[in-house]
Amino acid sequence: MTGRRVWAGAGMLAALAIGAAAVRRRHIKLIASDPEQALLLVPPSGRSLRARSADGSDLPVDVSSGDESAMVVLAPAWTEP
């Protein structure tokens, strides 16, 4: 009975691996066929600056549009005390 469980587990693991590979291949094909994919490969142009936060630490800032544009601030993992 233990041998059967081992073979059943191995079969389920193999099926899971084959399914995951198929999903990954489909995802890669969808990305490659996206007409806007070329835009994502070009790095944004602009200038880099440093800003000082309220606690005195320097933060890297990338400005990628004119000064008259609306400001968008991306702050990953931002926490407030």
C-alpha atoms as a PDB file:
ATOM      1  CA  MET A   1       0.000   0.000   0.000  1.00  0.00           C
ATOM      2  CA  THR A   2       2.882   2.379   0.671  1.00  0.00           C
ATOM      3  CA  GLY A   3       4.248   1.810  -2.836  1.00  0.00           C
ATOM      4  CA  ARG A   4       0.889   2.766  -4.295  1.00  0.00           C
ATOM      5  CA  ARG A   5       0.883   6.039  -2.369  1.00  0.00           C
ATOM      6  CA  VAL A   6       4.379   6.860  -3.554  1.00  0.00           C
ATOM      7  CA  TRP A   7       3.424   6.222  -7.185  1.00  0.00           C
ATOM      8  CA  ALA A   8       0.186   8.188  -6.787  1.00  0.00           C
ATOM      9  CA  GLY A   9       2.082  11.111  -5.250  1.00  0.00           C
ATOM     10  CA  ALA A  10       4.700  10.992  -7.996  1.00  0.00           C
ATOM     11  CA  GLY A  11       1.964  10.947 -10.635  1.00  0.00           C
ATOM     12  CA  MET A  12       0.203  13.934  -9.094  1.00  0.00           C
ATOM     13  CA  LEU A  13       3.489  15.828  -8.853  1.00  0.00           C
ATOM     14  CA  ALA A  14       4.269  15.094 -12.510  1.00  0.00           C
ATOM     15  CA  ALA A  15       0.783  16.232 -13.570  1.00  0.00           C
ATOM     16  CA  LEU A  16       1.197  19.431 -11.573  1.00  0.00           C
ATOM     17  CA  ALA A  17       4.583  20.131 -13.186  1.00  0.00           C
ATOM     18  CA  ILE A  18       3.200  19.538 -16.688  1.00  0.00           C
ATOM     19  CA  GLY A  19       0.219  21.801 -15.990  1.00  0.00           C
ATOM     20  CA  ALA A  20       2.441  24.560 -14.614  1.00  0.00           C
ATOM     21  CA  ALA A  21       4.694  24.373 -17.683  1.00  0.00           C
ATOM     22  CA  ALA A  22       1.670  24.634 -19.983  1.00  0.00           C
ATOM     23  CA  VAL A  23       0.345  27.680 -18.129  1.00  0.00           C
ATOM     24  CA  ARG A  24       3.763  29.339 -18.243  1.00  0.00           C
ATOM     25  CA  ARG A  25       4.131  28.687 -21.986  1.00  0.00           C
ATOM     26  CA  ARG A  26       0.665  30.174 -22.621  1.00  0.00           C
ATOM     27  CA  HIS A  27       1.503  33.239 -20.525  1.00  0.00           C
ATOM     28  CA  ILE A  28       4.751  33.819 -22.463  1.00  0.00           C
ATOM     29  CA  LYS A  29       2.875  33.567 -25.784  1.00  0.00           C
ATOM     30  CA  LEU A  30       0.271  36.079 -24.601  1.00  0.00           C
ATOM     31  CA  ILE A  31       2.968  38.554 -23.547  1.00  0.00           C
ATOM     32  CA  ALA A  32       4.826  38.139 -26.850  1.00  0.00           C
ATOM     33  CA  SER A  33       1.627  38.796 -28.842  1.00  0.00           C
ATOM     34  CA  ASP A  34       0.704  41.946 -26.893  1.00  0.00           C
ATOM     35  CA  PRO A  35       0.958  44.966 -29.239  1.00  0.00           C
ATOM     36  CA  GLU A  36       2.021  47.247 -26.376  1.00  0.00           C
ATOM     37  CA  GLN A  37       4.822  44.951 -25.215  1.00  0.00           C
ATOM     38  CA  ALA A  38       7.419  46.982 -27.133  1.00  0.00           C
ATOM     39  CA  LEU A  39       6.582  50.036 -25.013  1.00  0.00           C
ATOM     40  CA  LEU A  40       7.468  48.140 -21.856  1.00  0.00           C
ATOM     41  CA  LEU A  41      10.930  47.261 -23.147  1.00  0.00           C
ATOM     42  CA  VAL A  42      11.969  50.910 -23.595  1.00  0.00           C
ATOM     43  CA  PRO A  43      13.185  52.421 -20.319  1.00  0.00           C
ATOM     44  CA  PRO A  44      11.529  55.719 -19.387  1.00  0.00           C
ATOM     45  CA  SER A  45      13.494  58.848 -20.200  1.00  0.00           C
ATOM     46  CA  GLY A  46      13.940  61.637 -17.727  1.00  0.00           C
ATOM     47  CA  ARG A  47      16.291  62.852 -15.045  1.00  0.00           C
ATOM     48  CA  SER A  48      17.249  61.526 -11.633  1.00  0.00           C
ATOM     49  CA  LEU A  49      17.173  63.660  -8.516  1.00  0.00           C
ATOM     50  CA  ARG A  50      17.507  63.221  -4.765  1.00  0.00           C
ATOM     51  CA  ALA A  51      14.823  64.334  -2.312  1.00  0.00           C
ATOM     52  CA  ARG A  52      15.146  64.588   1.436  1.00  0.00           C
ATOM     53  CA  SER A  53      12.379  62.972   3.467  1.00  0.00           C
ATOM     54  CA  ALA A  54      10.903  64.291   6.709  1.00  0.00           C
ATOM     55  CA  ASP A  55      13.264  62.109   8.762  1.00  0.00           C
ATOM     56  CA  GLY A  56      16.328  63.354   6.842  1.00  0.00           C
ATOM     57  CA  SER A  57      17.034  60.328   4.661  1.00  0.00           C
ATOM     58  CA  ASP A  58      17.790  60.803   0.956  1.00  0.00           C
ATOM     59  CA  LEU A  59      15.312  59.309  -1.495  1.00  0.00           C
ATOM     60  CA  PRO A  60      16.000  58.689  -5.194  1.00  0.00           C
ATOM     61  CA  VAL A  61      13.510  60.490  -7.458  1.00  0.00           C
ATOM     62  CA  ASP A  62      12.994  59.944 -11.202  1.00  0.00           C
ATOM     63  CA  VAL A  63      11.302  62.766 -13.115  1.00  0.00           C
ATOM     64  CA  SER A  64      10.029  61.482 -16.445  1.00  0.00           C
ATOM     65  CA  SER A  65       7.845  64.343 -17.694  1.00  0.00           C
ATOM     66  CA  GLY A  66       7.683  68.104 -17.715  1.00  0.00           C
ATOM     67  CA  ASP A  67       7.300  70.232 -14.597  1.00  0.00           C
ATOM     68  CA  GLU A  68       3.765  71.269 -15.614  1.00  0.00           C
ATOM     69  CA  SER A  69       2.449  67.688 -15.575  1.00  0.00           C
ATOM     70  CA  ALA A  70       0.472  66.104 -12.757  1.00  0.00           C
ATOM     71  CA  MET A  71       2.661  64.521 -10.090  1.00  0.00           C
ATOM     72  CA  VAL A  72       2.498  60.782  -9.417  1.00  0.00           C
ATOM     73  CA  VAL A  73       4.404  59.453  -6.426  1.00  0.00           C
ATOM     74  CA  LEU A  74       5.132  55.743  -6.132  1.00  0.00           C
ATOM     75  CA  ALA A  75       6.238  54.774  -2.643  1.00  0.00           C
ATOM     76  CA  PRO A  76       6.593  50.987  -2.266  1.00  0.00           C
ATOM     77  CA  ALA A  77       6.575  49.665   1.292  1.00  0.00           C
ATOM     78  CA  TRP A  78       5.681  53.083   2.708  1.00  0.00           C
ATOM     79  CA  THR A  79       4.870  52.997   6.384  1.00  0.00           C
ATOM     80  CA  GLU A  80       3.732  55.768   8.695  1.00  0.00           C
ATOM     81  CA  PRO A  81       4.736  55.876  12.366  1.00  0.00           C
END
